[in-house]
Amino acid sequence: MPLAGKGMLLTSMNIDAAIEPDFNRWYDREHLEERVAIEGFLEARRYVAHAANPKYLSLYSTETLDVLDSPAYRARLADQTDWSRRTMAHFKNMLRVVARITISNGTGRGAALGVVRLRPSPDNAGTWRDALHEKLAPEKREGIISMHLLESEPELSGATADIPAERNEGACDWFVLIDGTHVGAVSAVIAERFTGPAAAPFPLPVSVGTYALMWDLAKSDIAQS
């Protein structure tokens, strides 16, 4: 299973151009390490849009889903740094999704990421999950490293007292992650498997996007430093 752990926090947002340099410094010099240091967090990856909205995306892997409702994590949310509070006040169009990883195929992670947002219902979730086991097969496509399914947990997702995420109209949405060696390969798989007639048995996705990896951080990196 290429994704570490069983839980994941997905966040994405836009930011005013005027504070974007400071926003990036905050992420790179404080926020990612602070989050990965929390008990039960394993790694984090940070992306910038190639063809997607919002512009910035981060993925945080955790040992279990329960880590994202743990006392250690809640304590950190309740005690944000001054830099965090200043920066988060400028977030726009923020999406905050707590999810369980239910499918993860392939080995490793890629420099490019595709994100496909799906909106199942309780009646079709089982059928969709079965179909995705077939669609999320990286070995059938050149340039694709691994493919994953995140199933949102609506009770844990969305805004907190100190994180200004938008109200999530699709609180039970699923997110397909496609890791590839380059954006062209990822875009081709999205087109071949998730848009147009190839979308069946699903309707068209709520959204699709492609991102480029900025950097990643593992728990072992912090321990070594």
C-alpha atoms as a PDB file:
ATOM      1  CA  MET A   1       0.000   0.000   0.000  1.00  0.00           C
ATOM      2  CA  PRO A   2       1.869   3.112  -1.174  1.00  0.00           C
ATOM      3  CA  LEU A   3       0.110   5.636   1.046  1.00  0.00           C
ATOM      4  CA  ALA A   4       1.356   5.569   4.597  1.00  0.00           C
ATOM      5  CA  GLY A   5      -1.329   4.960   7.193  1.00  0.00           C
ATOM      6  CA  LYS A   6      -5.110   4.720   6.945  1.00  0.00           C
ATOM      7  CA  GLY A   7      -6.213   8.342   7.399  1.00  0.00           C
ATOM      8  CA  MET A   8      -5.648  11.515   5.433  1.00  0.00           C
ATOM      9  CA  LEU A   9      -6.268  15.228   5.810  1.00  0.00           C
ATOM     10  CA  LEU A  10      -6.660  17.086   2.502  1.00  0.00           C
ATOM     11  CA  THR A  11      -6.582  20.875   2.505  1.00  0.00           C
ATOM     12  CA  SER A  12      -6.656  23.296  -0.409  1.00  0.00           C
ATOM     13  CA  MET A  13      -6.965  27.048  -0.643  1.00  0.00           C
ATOM     14  CA  ASN A  14      -6.305  30.207  -2.588  1.00  0.00           C
ATOM     15  CA  ILE A  15      -4.394  33.147  -1.151  1.00  0.00           C
ATOM     16  CA  ASP A  16      -4.095  36.857  -1.943  1.00  0.00           C
ATOM     17  CA  ALA A  17      -1.096  37.563  -4.154  1.00  0.00           C
ATOM     18  CA  ALA A  18       0.034  40.299  -1.765  1.00  0.00           C
ATOM     19  CA  ILE A  19       0.723  37.843   1.049  1.00  0.00           C
ATOM     20  CA  GLU A  20       1.556  34.788  -1.067  1.00  0.00           C
ATOM     21  CA  PRO A  21       5.325  34.974  -0.365  1.00  0.00           C
ATOM     22  CA  ASP A  22       4.714  34.984   3.395  1.00  0.00           C
ATOM     23  CA  PHE A  23       2.087  32.237   3.009  1.00  0.00           C
ATOM     24  CA  ASN A  24       4.670  30.020   1.296  1.00  0.00           C
ATOM     25  CA  ARG A  25       7.313  30.775   3.927  1.00  0.00           C
ATOM     26  CA  TRP A  26       4.833  29.842   6.652  1.00  0.00           C
ATOM     27  CA  TYR A  27       4.029  26.523   5.005  1.00  0.00           C
ATOM     28  CA  ASP A  28       7.669  25.719   4.265  1.00  0.00           C
ATOM     29  CA  ARG A  29       9.295  26.936   7.494  1.00  0.00           C
ATOM     30  CA  GLU A  30       6.664  26.204  10.133  1.00  0.00           C
ATOM     31  CA  HIS A  31       3.360  24.577   9.235  1.00  0.00           C
ATOM     32  CA  LEU A  32       4.259  21.291   7.566  1.00  0.00           C
ATOM     33  CA  GLU A  33       6.824  20.338  10.200  1.00  0.00           C
ATOM     34  CA  GLU A  34       4.495  21.391  13.005  1.00  0.00           C
ATOM     35  CA  ARG A  35       1.745  19.123  11.690  1.00  0.00           C
ATOM     36  CA  VAL A  36       3.953  16.135  10.887  1.00  0.00           C
ATOM     37  CA  ALA A  37       5.378  16.326  14.422  1.00  0.00           C
ATOM     38  CA  ILE A  38       1.931  15.599  15.921  1.00  0.00           C
ATOM     39  CA  GLU A  39       1.590  12.093  17.350  1.00  0.00           C
ATOM     40  CA  GLY A  40       0.114   9.784  14.712  1.00  0.00           C
ATOM     41  CA  PHE A  41       0.964  11.976  11.712  1.00  0.00           C
ATOM     42  CA  LEU A  42       3.309  10.232   9.283  1.00  0.00           C
ATOM     43  CA  GLU A  43       4.039  12.546   6.358  1.00  0.00           C
ATOM     44  CA  ALA A  44       2.853  15.584   4.422  1.00  0.00           C
ATOM     45  CA  ARG A  45       3.005  16.578   0.774  1.00  0.00           C
ATOM     46  CA  ARG A  46       2.530  20.055  -0.637  1.00  0.00           C
ATOM     47  CA  TYR A  47       1.373  20.906  -4.181  1.00  0.00           C
ATOM     48  CA  VAL A  48       0.771  23.889  -6.450  1.00  0.00           C
ATOM     49  CA  ALA A  49      -1.814  23.831  -9.223  1.00  0.00           C
ATOM     50  CA  HIS A  50      -0.907  23.018 -12.801  1.00  0.00           C
ATOM     51  CA  ALA A  51      -4.542  23.185 -13.929  1.00  0.00           C
ATOM     52  CA  ALA A  52      -6.735  23.271 -10.836  1.00  0.00           C
ATOM     53  CA  ASN A  53      -8.596  25.470  -8.377  1.00  0.00           C
ATOM     54  CA  PRO A  54      -7.787  26.153  -5.550  1.00  0.00           C
ATOM     55  CA  LYS A  55      -4.146  26.898  -6.299  1.00  0.00           C
ATOM     56  CA  TYR A  56      -2.537  25.151  -3.314  1.00  0.00           C
ATOM     57  CA  LEU A  57      -3.138  21.623  -2.001  1.00  0.00           C
ATOM     58  CA  SER A  58      -1.665  19.689   0.924  1.00  0.00           C
ATOM     59  CA  LEU A  59      -2.022  16.036   1.933  1.00  0.00           C
ATOM     60  CA  TYR A  60      -1.271  14.791   5.466  1.00  0.00           C
ATOM     61  CA  SER A  61      -1.129  11.021   6.069  1.00  0.00           C
ATOM     62  CA  THR A  62      -1.942   9.627   9.514  1.00  0.00           C
ATOM     63  CA  GLU A  63      -1.604   6.193  11.104  1.00  0.00           C
ATOM     64  CA  THR A  64      -5.378   5.916  11.532  1.00  0.00           C
ATOM     65  CA  LEU A  65      -8.416   8.075  10.912  1.00  0.00           C
ATOM     66  CA  ASP A  66      -8.793   8.519  14.678  1.00  0.00           C
ATOM     67  CA  VAL A  67      -5.564  10.537  14.771  1.00  0.00           C
ATOM     68  CA  LEU A  68      -7.493  13.364  13.106  1.00  0.00           C
ATOM     69  CA  ASP A  69      -9.851  13.480  16.087  1.00  0.00           C
ATOM     70  CA  SER A  70      -7.215  12.797  18.750  1.00  0.00           C
ATOM     71  CA  PRO A  71      -6.402  14.919  21.811  1.00  0.00           C
ATOM     72  CA  ALA A  72      -2.945  15.699  20.384  1.00  0.00           C
ATOM     73  CA  TYR A  73      -4.359  17.018  17.115  1.00  0.00           C
ATOM     74  CA  ARG A  74      -7.206  18.910  18.778  1.00  0.00           C
ATOM     75  CA  ALA A  75      -4.747  20.530  21.175  1.00  0.00           C
ATOM     76  CA  ARG A  76      -2.689  21.810  18.239  1.00  0.00           C
ATOM     77  CA  LEU A  77      -5.806  23.177  16.513  1.00  0.00           C
ATOM     78  CA  ALA A  78      -6.766  25.005  19.696  1.00  0.00           C
ATOM     79  CA  ASP A  79      -3.296  26.524  20.132  1.00  0.00           C
ATOM     80  CA  GLN A  80      -2.316  27.907  16.742  1.00  0.00           C
ATOM     81  CA  THR A  81       0.857  29.968  16.488  1.00  0.00           C
ATOM     82  CA  ASP A  82       0.586  33.695  15.827  1.00  0.00           C
ATOM     83  CA  TRP A  83       1.990  33.140  12.340  1.00  0.00           C
ATOM     84  CA  SER A  84      -0.664  30.494  11.691  1.00  0.00           C
ATOM     85  CA  ARG A  85      -3.531  32.713  12.824  1.00  0.00           C
ATOM     86  CA  ARG A  86      -2.321  35.629  10.694  1.00  0.00           C
ATOM     87  CA  THR A  87      -1.898  33.456   7.625  1.00  0.00           C
ATOM     88  CA  MET A  88      -5.103  31.441   7.905  1.00  0.00           C
ATOM     89  CA  ALA A  89      -7.114  34.650   8.152  1.00  0.00           C
ATOM     90  CA  HIS A  90      -6.258  35.227   4.482  1.00  0.00           C
ATOM     91  CA  PHE A  91      -7.301  31.805   3.167  1.00  0.00           C
ATOM     92  CA  LYS A  92      -9.857  31.841   0.355  1.00  0.00           C
ATOM     93  CA  ASN A  93     -12.029  29.006  -0.949  1.00  0.00           C
ATOM     94  CA  MET A  94     -10.535  26.636   1.595  1.00  0.00           C
ATOM     95  CA  LEU A  95     -11.482  22.968   1.477  1.00  0.00           C
ATOM     96  CA  ARG A  96     -10.688  20.838   4.521  1.00  0.00           C
ATOM     97  CA  VAL A  97     -11.419  17.117   4.197  1.00  0.00           C
ATOM     98  CA  VAL A  98     -10.756  14.389   6.747  1.00  0.00           C
ATOM     99  CA  ALA A  99     -10.902  11.025   4.983  1.00  0.00           C
ATOM    100  CA  ARG A 100     -10.190   7.358   5.287  1.00  0.00           C
ATOM    101  CA  ILE A 101      -8.010   5.725   2.632  1.00  0.00           C
ATOM    102  CA  THR A 102     -10.086   2.845   1.228  1.00  0.00           C
ATOM    103  CA  ILE A 103      -8.158   1.985  -1.957  1.00  0.00           C
ATOM    104  CA  SER A 104      -4.422   2.443  -2.530  1.00  0.00           C
ATOM    105  CA  ASN A 105      -2.759   0.686  -5.466  1.00  0.00           C
ATOM    106  CA  GLY A 106       0.757   0.892  -6.854  1.00  0.00           C
ATOM    107  CA  THR A 107       4.141   1.598  -5.324  1.00  0.00           C
ATOM    108  CA  GLY A 108       5.500   5.048  -4.581  1.00  0.00           C
ATOM    109  CA  ARG A 109       4.484   8.639  -5.219  1.00  0.00           C
ATOM    110  CA  GLY A 110       4.824  10.831  -8.289  1.00  0.00           C
ATOM    111  CA  ALA A 111       5.879  14.374  -9.089  1.00  0.00           C
ATOM    112  CA  ALA A 112       2.428  15.067 -10.554  1.00  0.00           C
ATOM    113  CA  LEU A 113      -0.960  14.544  -8.899  1.00  0.00           C
ATOM    114  CA  GLY A 114      -4.429  14.295 -10.359  1.00  0.00           C
ATOM    115  CA  VAL A 115      -7.451  14.932  -8.132  1.00  0.00           C
ATOM    116  CA  VAL A 116     -10.926  13.758  -9.157  1.00  0.00           C
ATOM    117  CA  ARG A 117     -13.810  14.722  -6.873  1.00  0.00           C
ATOM    118  CA  LEU A 118     -16.821  12.381  -6.941  1.00  0.00           C
ATOM    119  CA  ARG A 119     -20.193  12.651  -5.189  1.00  0.00           C
ATOM    120  CA  PRO A 120     -21.696   9.247  -4.371  1.00  0.00           C
ATOM    121  CA  SER A 121     -24.925   8.612  -2.505  1.00  0.00           C
ATOM    122  CA  PRO A 122     -25.593   5.994   0.175  1.00  0.00           C
ATOM    123  CA  ASP A 123     -27.462   3.955  -2.435  1.00  0.00           C
ATOM    124  CA  ASN A 124     -24.628   3.750  -4.955  1.00  0.00           C
ATOM    125  CA  ALA A 125     -21.501   3.915  -2.763  1.00  0.00           C
ATOM    126  CA  GLY A 126     -20.903   0.172  -2.830  1.00  0.00           C
ATOM    127  CA  THR A 127     -21.272  -0.047  -6.604  1.00  0.00           C
ATOM    128  CA  TRP A 128     -18.963   2.913  -7.098  1.00  0.00           C
ATOM    129  CA  ARG A 129     -16.328   1.469  -4.791  1.00  0.00           C
ATOM    130  CA  ASP A 130     -16.367  -1.821  -6.693  1.00  0.00           C
ATOM    131  CA  ALA A 131     -15.995   0.021 -10.004  1.00  0.00           C
ATOM    132  CA  LEU A 132     -13.120   2.099  -8.654  1.00  0.00           C
ATOM    133  CA  HIS A 133     -11.177  -1.010  -7.756  1.00  0.00           C
ATOM    134  CA  GLU A 134     -11.075  -1.618 -11.512  1.00  0.00           C
ATOM    135  CA  LYS A 135     -10.402   1.995 -12.535  1.00  0.00           C
ATOM    136  CA  LEU A 136      -7.621   2.568  -9.999  1.00  0.00           C
ATOM    137  CA  ALA A 137      -5.133   0.211 -11.630  1.00  0.00           C
ATOM    138  CA  PRO A 138      -1.837   2.062 -12.216  1.00  0.00           C
ATOM    139  CA  GLU A 139      -0.032  -0.855 -13.846  1.00  0.00           C
ATOM    140  CA  LYS A 140      -2.238  -0.497 -16.928  1.00  0.00           C
ATOM    141  CA  ARG A 141      -1.013   3.014 -17.804  1.00  0.00           C
ATOM    142  CA  GLU A 142       2.485   4.330 -18.546  1.00  0.00           C
ATOM    143  CA  GLY A 143       3.633   7.188 -16.342  1.00  0.00           C
ATOM    144  CA  ILE A 144       1.225   6.378 -13.507  1.00  0.00           C
ATOM    145  CA  ILE A 145       2.820   5.381 -10.204  1.00  0.00           C
ATOM    146  CA  SER A 146      -0.100   4.828  -7.839  1.00  0.00           C
ATOM    147  CA  MET A 147      -3.825   5.526  -7.488  1.00  0.00           C
ATOM    148  CA  HIS A 148      -5.916   5.995  -4.362  1.00  0.00           C
ATOM    149  CA  LEU A 149      -9.423   6.617  -3.055  1.00  0.00           C
ATOM    150  CA  LEU A 150     -10.217   8.894  -0.107  1.00  0.00           C
ATOM    151  CA  GLU A 151     -13.695   8.671   1.398  1.00  0.00           C
ATOM    152  CA  SER A 152     -14.624  11.779   3.378  1.00  0.00           C
ATOM    153  CA  GLU A 153     -15.755  11.704   6.991  1.00  0.00           C
ATOM    154  CA  PRO A 154     -18.289  14.573   7.179  1.00  0.00           C
ATOM    155  CA  GLU A 155     -18.338  14.764  10.977  1.00  0.00           C
ATOM    156  CA  LEU A 156     -14.611  15.539  11.071  1.00  0.00           C
ATOM    157  CA  SER A 157     -14.300  17.616   7.886  1.00  0.00           C
ATOM    158  CA  GLY A 158     -14.946  21.321   7.353  1.00  0.00           C
ATOM    159  CA  ALA A 159     -14.091  24.355   9.421  1.00  0.00           C
ATOM    160  CA  THR A 160     -12.899  24.424  13.012  1.00  0.00           C
ATOM    161  CA  ALA A 161     -12.914  27.369  15.400  1.00  0.00           C
ATOM    162  CA  ASP A 162      -9.545  28.523  14.053  1.00  0.00           C
ATOM    163  CA  ILE A 163      -9.505  27.180  10.473  1.00  0.00           C
ATOM    164  CA  PRO A 164     -11.760  29.081   8.041  1.00  0.00           C
ATOM    165  CA  ALA A 165     -12.768  26.299   5.661  1.00  0.00           C
ATOM    166  CA  GLU A 166     -15.819  26.819   3.516  1.00  0.00           C
ATOM    167  CA  ARG A 167     -19.068  24.965   4.146  1.00  0.00           C
ATOM    168  CA  ASN A 168     -18.762  21.728   2.227  1.00  0.00           C
ATOM    169  CA  GLU A 169     -21.859  21.094   0.123  1.00  0.00           C
ATOM    170  CA  GLY A 170     -20.512  17.644  -0.638  1.00  0.00           C
ATOM    171  CA  ALA A 171     -19.445  16.589   2.836  1.00  0.00           C
ATOM    172  CA  CYS A 172     -19.510  12.919   1.843  1.00  0.00           C
ATOM    173  CA  ASP A 173     -17.551  13.407  -1.386  1.00  0.00           C
ATOM    174  CA  TRP A 174     -14.790  11.047  -2.445  1.00  0.00           C
ATOM    175  CA  PHE A 175     -11.428  12.098  -3.842  1.00  0.00           C
ATOM    176  CA  VAL A 176      -9.459  10.001  -6.307  1.00  0.00           C
ATOM    177  CA  LEU A 177      -5.714  10.710  -6.203  1.00  0.00           C
ATOM    178  CA  ILE A 178      -3.578   9.807  -9.217  1.00  0.00           C
ATOM    179  CA  ASP A 179       0.195   9.911  -8.716  1.00  0.00           C
ATOM    180  CA  GLY A 180       2.238  10.128 -11.908  1.00  0.00           C
ATOM    181  CA  THR A 181       5.668  10.972 -13.252  1.00  0.00           C
ATOM    182  CA  HIS A 182       4.381  13.963 -15.244  1.00  0.00           C
ATOM    183  CA  VAL A 183       1.194  15.982 -15.653  1.00  0.00           C
ATOM    184  CA  GLY A 184       0.546  14.663 -19.170  1.00  0.00           C
ATOM    185  CA  ALA A 185       0.210  11.091 -17.933  1.00  0.00           C
ATOM    186  CA  VAL A 186      -2.090  12.109 -15.090  1.00  0.00           C
ATOM    187  CA  SER A 187      -4.284  14.252 -17.355  1.00  0.00           C
ATOM    188  CA  ALA A 188      -4.596  11.423 -19.861  1.00  0.00           C
ATOM    189  CA  VAL A 189      -5.839   8.990 -17.205  1.00  0.00           C
ATOM    190  CA  ILE A 190      -8.390  11.505 -15.942  1.00  0.00           C
ATOM    191  CA  ALA A 191      -9.699  11.921 -19.495  1.00  0.00           C
ATOM    192  CA  GLU A 192      -9.685   8.198 -20.230  1.00  0.00           C
ATOM    193  CA  ARG A 193     -11.292   6.978 -17.015  1.00  0.00           C
ATOM    194  CA  PHE A 194     -13.261   9.808 -15.395  1.00  0.00           C
ATOM    195  CA  THR A 195     -14.642  12.229 -18.001  1.00  0.00           C
ATOM    196  CA  GLY A 196     -16.949  11.819 -20.995  1.00  0.00           C
ATOM    197  CA  PRO A 197     -18.305   8.320 -21.772  1.00  0.00           C
ATOM    198  CA  ALA A 198     -15.423   6.772 -19.780  1.00  0.00           C
ATOM    199  CA  ALA A 199     -16.921   8.179 -16.570  1.00  0.00           C
ATOM    200  CA  ALA A 200     -19.528   5.383 -16.467  1.00  0.00           C
ATOM    201  CA  PRO A 201     -20.908   4.127 -14.149  1.00  0.00           C
ATOM    202  CA  PHE A 202     -20.387   7.516 -12.518  1.00  0.00           C
ATOM    203  CA  PRO A 203     -21.794  10.887 -13.542  1.00  0.00           C
ATOM    204  CA  LEU A 204     -19.234  13.506 -14.483  1.00  0.00           C
ATOM    205  CA  PRO A 205     -16.970  14.452 -11.548  1.00  0.00           C
ATOM    206  CA  VAL A 206     -17.733  17.451  -9.357  1.00  0.00           C
ATOM    207  CA  SER A 207     -14.271  18.706 -10.309  1.00  0.00           C
ATOM    208  CA  VAL A 208     -10.921  17.539 -11.662  1.00  0.00           C
ATOM    209  CA  GLY A 209      -7.489  19.115 -11.366  1.00  0.00           C
ATOM    210  CA  THR A 210      -3.785  18.511 -11.765  1.00  0.00           C
ATOM    211  CA  TYR A 211      -1.041  19.590  -9.381  1.00  0.00           C
ATOM    212  CA  ALA A 212       2.767  19.611  -9.261  1.00  0.00           C
ATOM    213  CA  LEU A 213       4.594  18.468  -6.134  1.00  0.00           C
ATOM    214  CA  MET A 214       6.406  21.274  -4.292  1.00  0.00           C
ATOM    215  CA  TRP A 215       7.958  19.118  -1.536  1.00  0.00           C
ATOM    216  CA  ASP A 216       7.201  16.443   1.029  1.00  0.00           C
ATOM    217  CA  LEU A 217       8.136  15.790   4.641  1.00  0.00           C
ATOM    218  CA  ALA A 218       8.145  12.502   6.564  1.00  0.00           C
ATOM    219  CA  LYS A 219       8.271  11.911  10.309  1.00  0.00           C
ATOM    220  CA  SER A 220      11.719  10.355   9.864  1.00  0.00           C
ATOM    221  CA  ASP A 221      12.977  13.637   8.344  1.00  0.00           C
ATOM    222  CA  ILE A 222      12.104  15.489  11.525  1.00  0.00           C
ATOM    223  CA  ALA A 223      13.709  12.828  13.698  1.00  0.00           C
ATOM    224  CA  GLN A 224      16.935  13.034  11.693  1.00  0.00           C
ATOM    225  CA  SER A 225      17.048  16.819  11.839  1.00  0.00           C
END
